[in-house]
Amino acid sequence: MESSRGSLLVLTDSSIKIKWDPVEDYEGLPVTSYQLYIDDGAGTFNPAIIHTNINILEYEFTNLNDQAEYQFYVEAGNDIGYG
């Protein structure tokens, strides 16, 4: 699997926009989507969205609590799964 790095683009009191580098393949097959995960400080990452347009490599999370500490990660996927 090819690794990808992400970055923070825009941060406000109630939103954050993240961006990630493209991944060409997962388990030898072309990437067809990205799964975005969010942890709102509870210590558990939950799936937030499946991003099926692989040409768009950013997403804005909105309606966030400015008192919470969030963590995010992105996995590339296809018919085999995500990783």
N, C-alpha and C. Protein backbone atom coordinates (compact mmCIF):
# COMPACT_ATOMS: atom_id res chain seq x y z
N MET A 1 0.83 -1.18 0.00
CA MET A 1 0.00 0.00 0.00
C MET A 1 0.88 1.24 0.00
N GLU A 2 0.48 2.19 -0.73
CA GLU A 2 1.18 3.47 -0.79
C GLU A 2 0.65 4.36 0.33
N SER A 3 1.55 4.95 1.10
CA SER A 3 1.09 5.80 2.19
C SER A 3 0.78 7.20 1.68
N SER A 4 -0.05 7.89 2.45
CA SER A 4 -0.46 9.24 2.10
C SER A 4 -0.37 10.12 3.32
N ARG A 5 -0.02 11.36 3.14
CA ARG A 5 0.05 12.32 4.23
C ARG A 5 -1.05 13.35 4.05
N GLY A 6 -1.53 13.87 5.16
CA GLY A 6 -2.57 14.88 5.11
C GLY A 6 -2.09 16.17 5.71
N SER A 7 -2.88 17.20 5.53
CA SER A 7 -2.55 18.48 6.11
C SER A 7 -3.83 19.24 6.45
N LEU A 8 -3.69 20.17 7.34
CA LEU A 8 -4.77 21.05 7.75
C LEU A 8 -4.76 22.26 6.83
N LEU A 9 -5.92 22.60 6.29
CA LEU A 9 -5.98 23.76 5.40
C LEU A 9 -6.56 24.99 6.08
N VAL A 10 -7.75 24.85 6.64
CA VAL A 10 -8.44 26.00 7.22
C VAL A 10 -9.07 25.56 8.54
N LEU A 11 -8.89 26.37 9.56
CA LEU A 11 -9.45 26.08 10.87
C LEU A 11 -10.23 27.29 11.35
N THR A 12 -11.48 27.07 11.77
CA THR A 12 -12.28 28.13 12.38
C THR A 12 -12.77 27.60 13.73
N ASP A 13 -13.60 28.38 14.41
CA ASP A 13 -14.15 27.93 15.69
C ASP A 13 -15.03 26.70 15.55
N SER A 14 -15.65 26.51 14.40
CA SER A 14 -16.60 25.40 14.27
C SER A 14 -16.37 24.51 13.05
N SER A 15 -15.25 24.69 12.36
CA SER A 15 -15.00 23.85 11.19
C SER A 15 -13.50 23.65 10.97
N ILE A 16 -13.19 22.62 10.21
CA ILE A 16 -11.81 22.35 9.82
C ILE A 16 -11.83 21.74 8.43
N LYS A 17 -10.93 22.17 7.59
CA LYS A 17 -10.79 21.59 6.26
C LYS A 17 -9.46 20.84 6.22
N ILE A 18 -9.52 19.57 5.85
CA ILE A 18 -8.31 18.78 5.74
C ILE A 18 -8.08 18.39 4.28
N LYS A 19 -6.83 18.14 3.96
CA LYS A 19 -6.44 17.75 2.61
C LYS A 19 -5.48 16.58 2.72
N TRP A 20 -5.51 15.68 1.76
CA TRP A 20 -4.60 14.54 1.76
C TRP A 20 -4.04 14.32 0.37
N ASP A 21 -2.92 13.61 0.33
CA ASP A 21 -2.27 13.27 -0.93
C ASP A 21 -2.99 12.08 -1.57
N PRO A 22 -3.01 12.01 -2.90
CA PRO A 22 -3.67 10.88 -3.55
C PRO A 22 -2.92 9.57 -3.31
N VAL A 23 -3.66 8.49 -3.32
CA VAL A 23 -3.10 7.14 -3.25
C VAL A 23 -3.52 6.44 -4.53
N GLU A 24 -2.57 5.83 -5.22
CA GLU A 24 -2.86 5.21 -6.51
C GLU A 24 -3.59 3.88 -6.37
N ASP A 25 -3.13 3.03 -5.42
CA ASP A 25 -3.75 1.72 -5.30
C ASP A 25 -3.75 1.24 -3.85
N TYR A 26 -4.64 0.29 -3.59
CA TYR A 26 -4.71 -0.40 -2.31
C TYR A 26 -4.81 -1.88 -2.61
N GLU A 27 -3.89 -2.65 -2.07
CA GLU A 27 -3.84 -4.10 -2.30
C GLU A 27 -3.81 -4.44 -3.80
N GLY A 28 -3.12 -3.59 -4.57
CA GLY A 28 -2.92 -3.86 -6.00
C GLY A 28 -4.04 -3.42 -6.92
N LEU A 29 -5.14 -2.90 -6.38
CA LEU A 29 -6.25 -2.42 -7.20
C LEU A 29 -6.37 -0.91 -7.07
N PRO A 30 -6.85 -0.24 -8.12
CA PRO A 30 -6.98 1.22 -8.06
C PRO A 30 -7.89 1.67 -6.91
N VAL A 31 -7.55 2.78 -6.32
CA VAL A 31 -8.37 3.39 -5.27
C VAL A 31 -9.64 3.95 -5.91
N THR A 32 -10.79 3.67 -5.29
CA THR A 32 -12.07 4.15 -5.81
C THR A 32 -12.76 5.11 -4.84
N SER A 33 -12.27 5.19 -3.59
CA SER A 33 -12.88 6.10 -2.63
C SER A 33 -11.94 6.29 -1.44
N TYR A 34 -12.28 7.29 -0.63
CA TYR A 34 -11.56 7.55 0.61
C TYR A 34 -12.57 7.55 1.76
N GLN A 35 -12.21 6.92 2.87
CA GLN A 35 -13.04 6.92 4.08
C GLN A 35 -12.41 7.87 5.07
N LEU A 36 -13.16 8.84 5.55
CA LEU A 36 -12.67 9.81 6.52
C LEU A 36 -13.20 9.45 7.90
N TYR A 37 -12.32 9.52 8.90
CA TYR A 37 -12.67 9.18 10.27
C TYR A 37 -12.43 10.39 11.17
N ILE A 38 -13.23 10.48 12.23
CA ILE A 38 -13.10 11.57 13.18
C ILE A 38 -13.20 11.02 14.60
N ASP A 39 -12.37 11.56 15.48
CA ASP A 39 -12.44 11.29 16.92
C ASP A 39 -12.68 12.63 17.59
N ASP A 40 -13.78 12.74 18.31
CA ASP A 40 -14.15 14.00 18.95
C ASP A 40 -13.61 14.14 20.36
N GLY A 41 -12.59 13.36 20.68
CA GLY A 41 -11.98 13.43 22.00
C GLY A 41 -12.38 12.29 22.90
N ALA A 42 -13.31 11.45 22.44
CA ALA A 42 -13.77 10.31 23.24
C ALA A 42 -12.82 9.13 23.15
N GLY A 43 -11.83 9.19 22.25
CA GLY A 43 -10.87 8.12 22.12
C GLY A 43 -11.26 7.05 21.12
N THR A 44 -12.33 7.30 20.36
CA THR A 44 -12.79 6.33 19.37
C THR A 44 -12.95 7.03 18.03
N PHE A 45 -12.31 6.47 17.00
CA PHE A 45 -12.47 7.01 15.66
C PHE A 45 -13.73 6.43 15.04
N ASN A 46 -14.58 7.29 14.51
CA ASN A 46 -15.83 6.87 13.88
C ASN A 46 -15.81 7.29 12.42
N PRO A 47 -16.33 6.43 11.53
CA PRO A 47 -16.41 6.83 10.12
C PRO A 47 -17.29 8.07 9.99
N ALA A 48 -16.80 9.04 9.26
CA ALA A 48 -17.54 10.29 9.10
C ALA A 48 -18.18 10.37 7.72
N ILE A 49 -17.45 9.95 6.71
CA ILE A 49 -17.95 10.07 5.34
C ILE A 49 -17.11 9.17 4.43
N ILE A 50 -17.76 8.65 3.40
CA ILE A 50 -17.04 7.98 2.31
C ILE A 50 -17.03 8.96 1.16
N HIS A 51 -15.85 9.32 0.73
CA HIS A 51 -15.64 10.32 -0.32
C HIS A 51 -15.39 9.55 -1.62
N THR A 52 -16.39 9.49 -2.51
CA THR A 52 -16.26 8.65 -3.70
C THR A 52 -15.66 9.35 -4.91
N ASN A 53 -15.56 10.66 -4.88
CA ASN A 53 -14.90 11.37 -5.98
C ASN A 53 -13.41 11.44 -5.65
N ILE A 54 -12.64 10.53 -6.22
CA ILE A 54 -11.22 10.43 -5.84
C ILE A 54 -10.38 11.57 -6.36
N ASN A 55 -10.96 12.44 -7.19
CA ASN A 55 -10.24 13.60 -7.68
C ASN A 55 -10.29 14.78 -6.71
N ILE A 56 -11.20 14.74 -5.75
CA ILE A 56 -11.28 15.77 -4.72
C ILE A 56 -10.58 15.25 -3.48
N LEU A 57 -9.50 15.90 -3.09
CA LEU A 57 -8.64 15.41 -2.02
C LEU A 57 -8.69 16.31 -0.79
N GLU A 58 -9.87 16.83 -0.49
CA GLU A 58 -10.07 17.63 0.71
C GLU A 58 -11.52 17.51 1.15
N TYR A 59 -11.74 17.78 2.42
CA TYR A 59 -13.09 17.72 2.98
C TYR A 59 -13.17 18.68 4.15
N GLU A 60 -14.31 19.34 4.29
CA GLU A 60 -14.51 20.27 5.40
C GLU A 60 -15.49 19.67 6.40
N PHE A 61 -15.03 19.48 7.63
CA PHE A 61 -15.89 19.06 8.73
C PHE A 61 -16.47 20.33 9.35
N THR A 62 -17.78 20.37 9.53
CA THR A 62 -18.45 21.55 10.07
C THR A 62 -19.19 21.20 11.35
N ASN A 63 -19.72 22.21 11.99
CA ASN A 63 -20.48 22.06 13.24
C ASN A 63 -19.66 21.40 14.35
N LEU A 64 -18.40 21.75 14.42
CA LEU A 64 -17.52 21.21 15.46
C LEU A 64 -17.60 22.07 16.72
N ASN A 65 -17.35 21.46 17.84
CA ASN A 65 -17.34 22.15 19.13
C ASN A 65 -15.95 22.75 19.33
N ASP A 66 -15.87 24.05 19.53
CA ASP A 66 -14.56 24.69 19.66
C ASP A 66 -13.86 24.35 20.97
N GLN A 67 -14.55 23.66 21.89
CA GLN A 67 -13.93 23.25 23.15
C GLN A 67 -13.40 21.81 23.09
N ALA A 68 -13.68 21.10 22.01
CA ALA A 68 -13.24 19.70 21.87
C ALA A 68 -11.92 19.64 21.11
N GLU A 69 -11.18 18.56 21.36
CA GLU A 69 -9.94 18.29 20.63
C GLU A 69 -10.20 17.13 19.69
N TYR A 70 -10.12 17.38 18.40
CA TYR A 70 -10.45 16.39 17.39
C TYR A 70 -9.19 15.80 16.78
N GLN A 71 -9.34 14.56 16.28
CA GLN A 71 -8.31 13.91 15.48
C GLN A 71 -9.00 13.34 14.25
N PHE A 72 -8.27 13.29 13.15
CA PHE A 72 -8.83 12.82 11.89
C PHE A 72 -7.84 11.89 11.21
N TYR A 73 -8.36 10.96 10.43
CA TYR A 73 -7.50 10.24 9.51
C TYR A 73 -8.31 9.78 8.31
N VAL A 74 -7.59 9.47 7.24
CA VAL A 74 -8.19 9.11 5.96
C VAL A 74 -7.61 7.79 5.52
N GLU A 75 -8.47 6.90 5.02
CA GLU A 75 -8.02 5.63 4.44
C GLU A 75 -8.47 5.57 2.98
N ALA A 76 -7.60 5.05 2.13
CA ALA A 76 -7.94 4.81 0.73
C ALA A 76 -8.58 3.44 0.63
N GLY A 77 -9.52 3.29 -0.31
CA GLY A 77 -10.18 2.01 -0.44
C GLY A 77 -10.64 1.68 -1.84
N ASN A 78 -11.10 0.43 -1.95
CA ASN A 78 -11.67 -0.08 -3.20
C ASN A 78 -12.53 -1.29 -2.86
N ASP A 79 -12.78 -2.18 -3.81
CA ASP A 79 -13.64 -3.34 -3.55
C ASP A 79 -13.07 -4.29 -2.49
N ILE A 80 -11.78 -4.26 -2.25
CA ILE A 80 -11.15 -5.12 -1.25
C ILE A 80 -11.41 -4.61 0.16
N GLY A 81 -11.43 -3.31 0.32
CA GLY A 81 -11.64 -2.70 1.63
C GLY A 81 -10.87 -1.40 1.74
N TYR A 82 -10.61 -1.00 2.97
CA TYR A 82 -9.90 0.27 3.25
C TYR A 82 -8.65 -0.01 4.07
N GLY A 83 -7.68 0.82 3.86
CA GLY A 83 -6.46 0.69 4.64
C GLY A 83 -5.51 1.82 4.39
